[in-house]
Amino acid sequence: MTDSEDTKTQGSLTRLLDIMRRLRDPASGCPWDREQSFASIAPYTIEEAYEVAEAIARGEPAALEAELGDLLFQVVFHAQMGAERQWFDFASIADAIAGKLTTRHPHVFADARIDSAAEQNRAWEEHKARERAARTHGGASELADVPLALPALSRAAKLGKRAGRVGFDWPDAGGVRAKIEEELRETDEAANTARRAEELGDLLFAAANWARHLDVDPEEALRLANAKFERRFRAMEELAASRQLALQSLTPADWDTLWNEVKSREKTAPGGVQ
């Protein structure tokens, strides 16, 4: 980063932090912003993170820039509330993450040597485990600090990964697949809604960890499946409209025909999925 770029960045951050202070000013600030708390803002923070992911998935740089700005504002909002309580501020947040990144990358900022991404992942997880143990004097659960607010599929895979670090895991992807078949049978045999919900939960947990063993992010896989379903359903709606067919009047066979036609068109389109 050049000196002029560094100056521009500092100026932009200073302006943003000043805007946040003015919004929270007890006398002249915005009533809505003044009333917010960490708890009330947390859902917006999560929502903005999802909107960043959506902009990335759409491949829209302008949207990504805007959503990253919204997410940065959430960090600034939390920082201002922390400063008001004399807990922390934006500078201490930035210093903390800078220190953490430096410590966790000794192959970049010190003399350690790491030759692959896989080796770096192992070193990163080992370092995080040591940090957890230090914070709790060695008494922390292996499952400590897996965020409750994570999407359930992502959290299931992360819980499985953490347990696997101490040996509680399926030996391979085939072992998880067998567990999925077992959970399918138990779901079929469930006698009531409560039992079906429990067994379906076990099935989804196993599926998330099957994805982990296959080196697939289950949340991303489901996000892509959702997008594919939405794309194909919209295409079916367009086909039905072009043929003056009322959706409510379509039979299961009609829907099946439209679905297969849409799939066929996708496969034969340039760059289509084969």
Protein backbone atom coordinates (compact mmCIF):
# COMPACT_ATOMS: atom_id res chain seq x y z
CA MET A 1 0.00 0.00 0.00
CA THR A 2 1.38 3.39 -0.99
CA ASP A 3 1.52 6.36 1.38
CA SER A 4 -1.38 8.03 -0.46
CA GLU A 5 -3.48 4.85 -0.26
CA ASP A 6 -2.67 4.50 3.44
CA THR A 7 -3.68 8.12 4.06
CA LYS A 8 -6.93 7.62 2.13
CA THR A 9 -7.75 4.49 4.12
CA GLN A 10 -7.09 6.20 7.44
CA GLY A 11 -9.21 9.16 6.39
CA SER A 12 -12.12 6.94 5.34
CA LEU A 13 -12.00 4.98 8.61
CA THR A 14 -11.79 8.18 10.66
CA ARG A 15 -14.85 9.54 8.85
CA LEU A 16 -16.81 6.32 9.38
CA LEU A 17 -15.94 6.17 13.09
CA ASP A 18 -16.93 9.83 13.50
CA ILE A 19 -20.28 9.19 11.80
CA MET A 20 -20.91 6.30 14.19
CA ARG A 21 -20.10 8.44 17.22
CA ARG A 22 -22.52 11.11 16.01
CA LEU A 23 -25.27 8.55 15.40
CA ARG A 24 -24.89 7.33 19.00
CA ASP A 25 -24.57 10.81 20.54
CA PRO A 26 -26.97 10.89 23.55
CA ALA A 27 -28.14 14.43 22.78
CA SER A 28 -28.09 14.82 19.00
CA GLY A 29 -27.79 11.32 17.62
CA CYS A 30 -30.33 9.16 15.82
CA PRO A 31 -33.03 7.82 18.20
CA TRP A 32 -32.94 4.36 16.61
CA ASP A 33 -29.14 4.04 16.73
CA ARG A 34 -29.04 5.29 20.33
CA GLU A 35 -31.50 2.61 21.44
CA GLN A 36 -29.56 -0.33 20.02
CA SER A 37 -27.56 -2.85 22.04
CA PHE A 38 -25.17 -5.67 21.22
CA ALA A 39 -28.07 -8.11 21.34
CA SER A 40 -30.38 -6.06 19.11
CA ILE A 41 -27.65 -5.46 16.51
CA ALA A 42 -26.40 -9.08 16.40
CA PRO A 43 -29.10 -10.30 13.95
CA TYR A 44 -28.22 -7.48 11.54
CA THR A 45 -24.55 -8.43 11.76
CA ILE A 46 -25.38 -12.01 10.80
CA GLU A 47 -27.69 -10.82 8.01
CA GLU A 48 -24.99 -8.58 6.55
CA ALA A 49 -22.50 -11.47 6.53
CA TYR A 50 -25.00 -13.54 4.54
CA GLU A 51 -25.51 -10.68 2.10
CA VAL A 52 -21.76 -10.55 1.53
CA ALA A 53 -21.80 -14.27 0.74
CA GLU A 54 -24.73 -13.77 -1.63
CA ALA A 55 -22.93 -10.97 -3.51
CA ILE A 56 -19.90 -13.26 -3.87
CA ALA A 57 -22.09 -16.08 -5.17
CA ARG A 58 -23.69 -13.74 -7.73
CA GLY A 59 -20.28 -12.54 -8.87
CA GLU A 60 -21.25 -8.87 -8.61
CA PRO A 61 -18.28 -6.68 -7.58
CA ALA A 62 -20.35 -3.52 -7.02
CA ALA A 63 -22.81 -5.40 -4.80
CA LEU A 64 -19.93 -7.01 -2.93
CA GLU A 65 -18.36 -3.62 -2.27
CA ALA A 66 -21.65 -2.29 -0.90
CA GLU A 67 -22.32 -5.34 1.27
CA LEU A 68 -18.77 -5.30 2.67
CA GLY A 69 -19.40 -1.67 3.63
CA ASP A 70 -22.58 -2.70 5.45
CA LEU A 71 -20.67 -5.45 7.26
CA LEU A 72 -17.86 -3.05 8.21
CA PHE A 73 -20.48 -0.69 9.63
CA GLN A 74 -21.66 -3.50 11.89
CA VAL A 75 -18.13 -3.88 13.28
CA VAL A 76 -17.95 -0.11 13.79
CA PHE A 77 -21.34 -0.15 15.54
CA HIS A 78 -20.22 -2.85 17.99
CA ALA A 79 -16.91 -1.04 18.51
CA GLN A 80 -18.70 2.20 19.42
CA MET A 81 -20.96 0.45 21.92
CA GLY A 82 -17.89 -1.20 23.44
CA ALA A 83 -16.12 2.15 23.70
CA GLU A 84 -19.14 3.68 25.46
CA ARG A 85 -18.82 0.96 28.12
CA GLN A 86 -15.02 1.29 28.18
CA TRP A 87 -14.70 -2.38 27.19
CA PHE A 88 -12.89 -1.96 23.87
CA ASP A 89 -12.85 0.26 20.80
CA PHE A 90 -12.15 -0.05 17.08
CA ALA A 91 -8.39 0.36 17.59
CA SER A 92 -8.22 -2.40 20.21
CA ILE A 93 -10.28 -4.70 17.98
CA ALA A 94 -7.91 -4.09 15.07
CA ASP A 95 -4.85 -4.54 17.28
CA ALA A 96 -6.24 -7.80 18.68
CA ILE A 97 -6.87 -9.38 15.28
CA ALA A 98 -3.52 -8.13 13.97
CA GLY A 99 -1.78 -9.78 16.92
CA LYS A 100 -3.73 -12.99 16.45
CA LEU A 101 -2.91 -13.19 12.74
CA THR A 102 0.77 -12.55 13.42
CA THR A 103 0.91 -15.24 16.09
CA ARG A 104 -0.98 -17.78 13.99
CA HIS A 105 1.25 -17.27 10.93
CA PRO A 106 4.75 -17.90 12.29
CA HIS A 107 5.80 -19.09 8.81
CA VAL A 108 5.16 -15.54 7.53
CA PHE A 109 6.07 -13.36 10.51
CA ALA A 110 8.66 -15.59 12.23
CA ASP A 111 11.03 -18.43 11.35
CA ALA A 112 8.62 -21.40 11.19
CA ARG A 113 8.26 -23.28 7.92
CA ILE A 114 4.94 -24.49 6.50
CA ASP A 115 4.90 -25.85 2.97
CA SER A 116 1.22 -26.52 2.19
CA ALA A 117 -2.30 -25.28 2.87
CA ALA A 118 -3.14 -28.58 4.60
CA GLU A 119 -0.18 -28.20 6.95
CA GLN A 120 -1.20 -24.60 7.64
CA ASN A 121 -4.76 -25.74 8.49
CA ARG A 122 -3.40 -28.27 10.99
CA ALA A 123 -1.08 -25.69 12.55
CA TRP A 124 -3.94 -23.17 12.74
CA GLU A 125 -6.26 -25.62 14.52
CA GLU A 126 -3.51 -26.71 16.91
CA HIS A 127 -2.74 -23.09 17.78
CA LYS A 128 -6.43 -22.34 18.39
CA ALA A 129 -6.65 -25.40 20.65
CA ARG A 130 -3.66 -24.15 22.67
CA GLU A 131 -5.30 -20.73 22.98
CA ARG A 132 -8.53 -22.29 24.27
CA ALA A 133 -6.61 -24.39 26.77
CA ALA A 134 -4.68 -21.33 27.98
CA ARG A 135 -7.87 -19.32 28.44
CA THR A 136 -9.47 -22.05 30.55
CA HIS A 137 -6.33 -23.51 32.15
CA GLY A 138 -6.76 -26.71 30.17
CA GLY A 139 -10.35 -27.32 31.29
CA ALA A 140 -12.22 -26.33 28.14
CA SER A 141 -14.29 -28.80 26.19
CA GLU A 142 -13.09 -29.63 22.69
CA LEU A 143 -16.45 -28.23 21.60
CA ALA A 144 -15.94 -24.90 23.36
CA ASP A 145 -16.56 -21.72 21.34
CA VAL A 146 -18.28 -23.39 18.38
CA PRO A 147 -20.70 -20.47 17.81
CA LEU A 148 -24.35 -21.19 18.56
CA ALA A 149 -25.36 -18.68 15.89
CA LEU A 150 -23.77 -20.67 13.06
CA PRO A 151 -26.19 -22.16 10.53
CA ALA A 152 -27.15 -25.60 11.83
CA LEU A 153 -25.50 -27.53 8.98
CA SER A 154 -22.24 -25.64 9.35
CA ARG A 155 -22.30 -26.08 13.13
CA ALA A 156 -22.96 -29.81 12.80
CA ALA A 157 -19.90 -30.23 10.57
CA LYS A 158 -17.77 -28.10 12.89
CA LEU A 159 -18.87 -30.05 15.97
CA GLY A 160 -18.01 -33.29 14.18
CA LYS A 161 -14.63 -31.94 13.14
CA ARG A 162 -13.80 -30.82 16.68
CA ALA A 163 -14.80 -34.21 18.13
CA GLY A 164 -12.78 -35.92 15.42
CA ARG A 165 -9.62 -34.16 16.56
CA VAL A 166 -9.58 -36.34 19.68
CA GLY A 167 -10.60 -39.50 17.82
CA PHE A 168 -14.40 -39.47 18.14
CA ASP A 169 -15.29 -39.73 14.46
CA TRP A 170 -16.21 -42.12 11.71
CA PRO A 171 -13.13 -43.76 10.19
CA ASP A 172 -13.99 -42.66 6.66
CA ALA A 173 -16.80 -41.38 4.41
CA GLY A 174 -18.16 -44.92 4.05
CA GLY A 175 -18.72 -45.12 7.79
CA VAL A 176 -20.78 -41.93 7.74
CA ARG A 177 -22.80 -43.18 4.78
CA ALA A 178 -23.70 -46.31 6.74
CA LYS A 179 -24.84 -44.06 9.60
CA ILE A 180 -27.04 -42.13 7.16
CA GLU A 181 -28.71 -45.36 6.03
CA GLU A 182 -29.28 -46.27 9.69
CA GLU A 183 -30.85 -42.88 10.40
CA LEU A 184 -33.07 -43.21 7.32
CA ARG A 185 -34.42 -46.51 8.64
CA GLU A 186 -34.98 -45.04 12.10
CA THR A 187 -36.82 -42.06 10.59
CA ASP A 188 -39.06 -44.44 8.62
CA GLU A 189 -39.79 -46.38 11.80
CA ALA A 190 -40.50 -43.31 13.97
CA ALA A 191 -43.95 -43.61 15.52
CA ASN A 192 -44.83 -39.93 15.98
CA THR A 193 -43.87 -36.41 14.96
CA ALA A 194 -41.52 -35.84 17.90
CA ARG A 195 -39.59 -39.01 17.15
CA ARG A 196 -39.48 -38.19 13.43
CA ALA A 197 -38.07 -34.75 14.22
CA GLU A 198 -35.39 -36.30 16.42
CA GLU A 199 -34.43 -38.90 13.81
CA LEU A 200 -34.44 -36.36 10.99
CA GLY A 201 -32.12 -34.20 13.09
CA ASP A 202 -29.77 -37.17 13.49
CA LEU A 203 -29.99 -37.76 9.74
CA LEU A 204 -29.10 -34.15 8.93
CA PHE A 205 -26.24 -34.22 11.43
CA ALA A 206 -24.86 -37.35 9.77
CA ALA A 207 -25.30 -35.81 6.30
CA ALA A 208 -23.37 -32.70 7.36
CA ASN A 209 -20.52 -34.87 8.57
CA TRP A 210 -20.61 -37.03 5.46
CA ALA A 211 -20.04 -33.82 3.52
CA ARG A 212 -17.12 -33.02 5.82
CA HIS A 213 -15.52 -36.40 5.13
CA LEU A 214 -15.97 -35.76 1.40
CA ASP A 215 -14.26 -32.34 1.75
CA VAL A 216 -17.51 -30.56 0.89
CA ASP A 217 -18.87 -27.57 2.81
CA PRO A 218 -22.45 -28.71 3.61
CA GLU A 219 -23.75 -25.15 3.94
CA GLU A 220 -22.32 -24.16 0.56
CA ALA A 221 -23.61 -27.39 -1.03
CA LEU A 222 -27.14 -26.68 0.22
CA ARG A 223 -26.89 -23.03 -0.83
CA LEU A 224 -26.02 -24.16 -4.36
CA ALA A 225 -28.86 -26.69 -4.33
CA ASN A 226 -31.30 -23.97 -3.24
CA ALA A 227 -30.09 -21.71 -6.04
CA LYS A 228 -30.43 -24.51 -8.58
CA PHE A 229 -33.95 -25.34 -7.42
CA GLU A 230 -34.99 -21.69 -7.54
CA ARG A 231 -33.49 -21.25 -11.01
CA ARG A 232 -35.24 -24.32 -12.37
CA PHE A 233 -38.57 -23.54 -10.72
CA ARG A 234 -38.54 -20.02 -12.18
CA ALA A 235 -37.76 -21.53 -15.59
CA MET A 236 -40.74 -23.89 -15.20
CA GLU A 237 -42.96 -20.94 -14.35
CA GLU A 238 -41.80 -19.18 -17.51
CA LEU A 239 -42.45 -22.28 -19.61
CA ALA A 240 -45.93 -22.68 -18.16
CA ALA A 241 -46.72 -18.99 -18.77
CA SER A 242 -45.49 -19.21 -22.38
CA ARG A 243 -47.92 -22.11 -22.91
CA GLN A 244 -50.74 -20.36 -21.06
CA LEU A 245 -50.82 -23.06 -18.38
CA ALA A 246 -52.12 -22.16 -14.92
CA LEU A 247 -49.72 -23.45 -12.29
CA GLN A 248 -52.51 -24.54 -9.97
CA SER A 249 -54.00 -26.73 -12.69
CA LEU A 250 -50.82 -28.69 -13.42
CA THR A 251 -50.77 -32.37 -12.48
CA PRO A 252 -47.73 -34.07 -10.94
CA ALA A 253 -47.03 -35.51 -14.39
CA ASP A 254 -47.17 -32.01 -15.92
CA TRP A 255 -44.72 -30.69 -13.34
CA ASP A 256 -42.42 -33.64 -13.98
CA THR A 257 -42.48 -32.93 -17.72
CA LEU A 258 -41.63 -29.26 -17.18
CA TRP A 259 -38.86 -30.11 -14.72
CA ASN A 260 -37.24 -32.58 -17.10
CA GLU A 261 -37.50 -30.09 -19.97
CA VAL A 262 -35.77 -27.40 -17.92
CA LYS A 263 -33.02 -29.84 -16.89
CA SER A 264 -32.54 -30.86 -20.52
CA ARG A 265 -32.26 -27.23 -21.62
CA GLU A 266 -29.63 -26.58 -18.94
CA LYS A 267 -27.54 -29.52 -20.11
CA THR A 268 -27.60 -28.48 -23.76
CA ALA A 269 -27.01 -24.77 -23.10
CA PRO A 270 -23.45 -23.45 -23.68
CA GLY A 271 -21.52 -24.16 -20.49
CA GLY A 272 -24.47 -26.11 -19.12
CA VAL A 273 -24.22 -28.74 -16.41
CA GLN A 274 -23.72 -32.18 -17.86
